[in-house]
Amino acid sequence: MISYILRLASPVAPVDRMREVVRQLIGIGGGRSLGFGINRVRSLPDGIGQVLDNYLHEKDGHVVEEIKSNGNGNGHDPQQHAPVMKIGDICPECGEAAVVNEEGCRKCYACGFSEC
């Protein structure tokens, strides 16, 4: 899929297409996450998205600075204060994407399933 997206004849720059691929892949949950903290990988697509994101940040060091400064140097990011919706893994009980790791347990916010 990624190779196809990058080879497409498009007026959108390849780097921008890659950023969209990263945006779509990062955060996809799976059966079990691996790792802790910033090294946590939720699924194979999430891991691929993280690797591509790291590549983009290394390739364009100024991308991180633009996001932090909002392009105008004032350091204000409007999305910083936006509420963050938790998207979890698929629950084995109810099938909703509501299972999150919390306090060392995997809990489902939809049905109350707990894996402790």
Protein backbone atom coordinates (compact mmCIF):
# COMPACT_ATOMS: atom_id res chain seq x y z
CA MET A 1 0.00 0.00 0.00
CA ILE A 2 2.73 2.46 0.99
CA SER A 3 4.75 1.75 -2.15
CA TYR A 4 1.65 2.24 -4.30
CA ILE A 5 0.78 5.55 -2.60
CA LEU A 6 4.30 6.86 -3.19
CA ARG A 7 4.37 5.78 -6.86
CA LEU A 8 1.01 7.37 -7.71
CA ALA A 9 1.03 10.26 -10.15
CA SER A 10 -0.31 13.01 -7.93
CA PRO A 11 -0.04 16.78 -7.49
CA VAL A 12 0.57 16.08 -3.77
CA ALA A 13 4.27 15.87 -2.89
CA PRO A 14 5.56 12.38 -1.91
CA VAL A 15 6.57 13.64 1.55
CA ASP A 16 3.03 14.90 2.15
CA ARG A 17 1.62 11.56 1.00
CA MET A 18 4.01 9.79 3.39
CA ARG A 19 2.84 12.03 6.24
CA GLU A 20 -0.76 11.03 5.48
CA VAL A 21 0.20 7.34 5.48
CA VAL A 22 1.87 7.85 8.88
CA ARG A 23 -1.22 9.65 10.18
CA GLN A 24 -3.42 6.74 9.09
CA LEU A 25 -1.17 3.99 10.52
CA ILE A 26 -0.10 5.37 13.89
CA GLY A 27 -2.46 4.38 16.67
CA ILE A 28 -3.98 1.28 15.06
CA GLY A 29 -4.44 -1.20 17.89
CA GLY A 30 -3.97 -4.94 17.87
CA GLY A 31 -4.45 -7.92 20.14
CA ARG A 32 -1.54 -7.06 22.42
CA SER A 33 0.85 -4.15 22.62
CA LEU A 34 4.59 -4.61 22.93
CA GLY A 35 7.07 -2.37 24.72
CA PHE A 36 6.69 0.48 27.16
CA GLY A 37 6.55 4.27 26.96
CA ILE A 38 7.73 5.76 23.68
CA ASN A 39 8.84 2.29 22.54
CA ARG A 40 5.30 0.90 22.80
CA VAL A 41 3.96 -0.63 19.59
CA ARG A 42 0.23 -1.38 19.48
CA SER A 43 0.27 -3.45 16.25
CA LEU A 44 2.27 -4.08 13.09
CA PRO A 45 0.67 -1.10 11.25
CA ASP A 46 1.36 1.10 14.30
CA GLY A 47 5.01 -0.01 14.31
CA ILE A 48 5.40 0.73 10.59
CA GLY A 49 3.80 4.14 11.12
CA GLN A 50 6.18 4.90 13.98
CA VAL A 51 9.24 3.92 11.92
CA LEU A 52 8.09 6.06 8.98
CA ASP A 53 7.37 8.96 11.35
CA ASN A 54 10.88 8.69 12.82
CA TYR A 55 12.30 8.66 9.28
CA LEU A 56 10.37 11.80 8.36
CA HIS A 57 11.51 13.58 11.54
CA GLU A 58 15.15 12.66 10.86
CA LYS A 59 14.88 13.64 7.19
CA ASP A 60 13.23 17.00 7.93
CA GLY A 61 14.41 18.17 11.34
CA HIS A 62 12.46 21.41 10.88
CA VAL A 63 9.12 19.54 10.79
CA VAL A 64 9.21 19.09 14.57
CA GLU A 65 10.01 22.78 15.08
CA GLU A 66 7.15 23.88 12.79
CA ILE A 67 4.65 21.83 14.78
CA LYS A 68 5.95 23.21 18.09
CA SER A 69 5.91 26.82 16.98
CA ASN A 70 2.81 26.60 14.77
CA GLY A 71 4.86 28.14 11.95
CA ASN A 72 4.65 31.64 13.40
CA GLY A 73 7.11 31.35 16.26
CA ASN A 74 4.65 31.93 19.08
CA GLY A 75 4.93 28.40 20.46
CA HIS A 76 1.16 27.91 20.59
CA ASP A 77 -0.26 24.70 19.14
CA PRO A 78 -4.07 24.85 18.89
CA GLN A 79 -4.35 21.06 18.97
CA GLN A 80 -2.39 20.92 22.22
CA HIS A 81 -5.50 21.83 24.25
CA ALA A 82 -7.95 19.76 22.19
CA PRO A 83 -9.48 16.81 24.07
CA VAL A 84 -7.82 13.50 23.27
CA MET A 85 -10.13 10.59 22.57
CA LYS A 86 -8.83 7.21 23.69
CA ILE A 87 -8.90 4.60 20.96
CA GLY A 88 -8.24 1.15 22.29
CA ASP A 89 -7.70 -2.38 21.14
CA ILE A 90 -10.56 -4.66 20.13
CA CYS A 91 -12.36 -6.15 23.13
CA PRO A 92 -12.63 -9.96 23.07
CA GLU A 93 -15.99 -9.76 24.89
CA CYS A 94 -17.98 -7.05 23.06
CA GLY A 95 -15.88 -6.36 19.93
CA GLU A 96 -15.64 -2.59 20.53
CA ALA A 97 -12.33 -0.73 20.12
CA ALA A 98 -12.35 0.27 23.78
CA VAL A 99 -9.69 -1.86 25.52
CA VAL A 100 -6.92 0.29 27.02
CA ASN A 101 -3.96 -0.42 29.28
CA GLU A 102 -4.60 1.24 32.62
CA GLU A 103 -2.97 0.68 36.01
CA GLY A 104 -1.24 -2.46 34.74
CA CYS A 105 -4.49 -4.03 33.49
CA ARG A 106 -6.26 -4.15 30.16
CA LYS A 107 -9.78 -2.75 30.63
CA CYS A 108 -12.69 -2.28 28.25
CA TYR A 109 -14.54 1.02 28.63
CA ALA A 110 -17.55 -0.32 26.70
CA CYS A 111 -18.47 -3.50 28.58
CA GLY A 112 -16.21 -3.55 31.65
CA PHE A 113 -14.06 -6.53 30.55
CA SER A 114 -10.81 -6.67 32.56
CA GLU A 115 -7.66 -8.70 31.97
CA CYS A 116 -5.71 -8.59 35.24
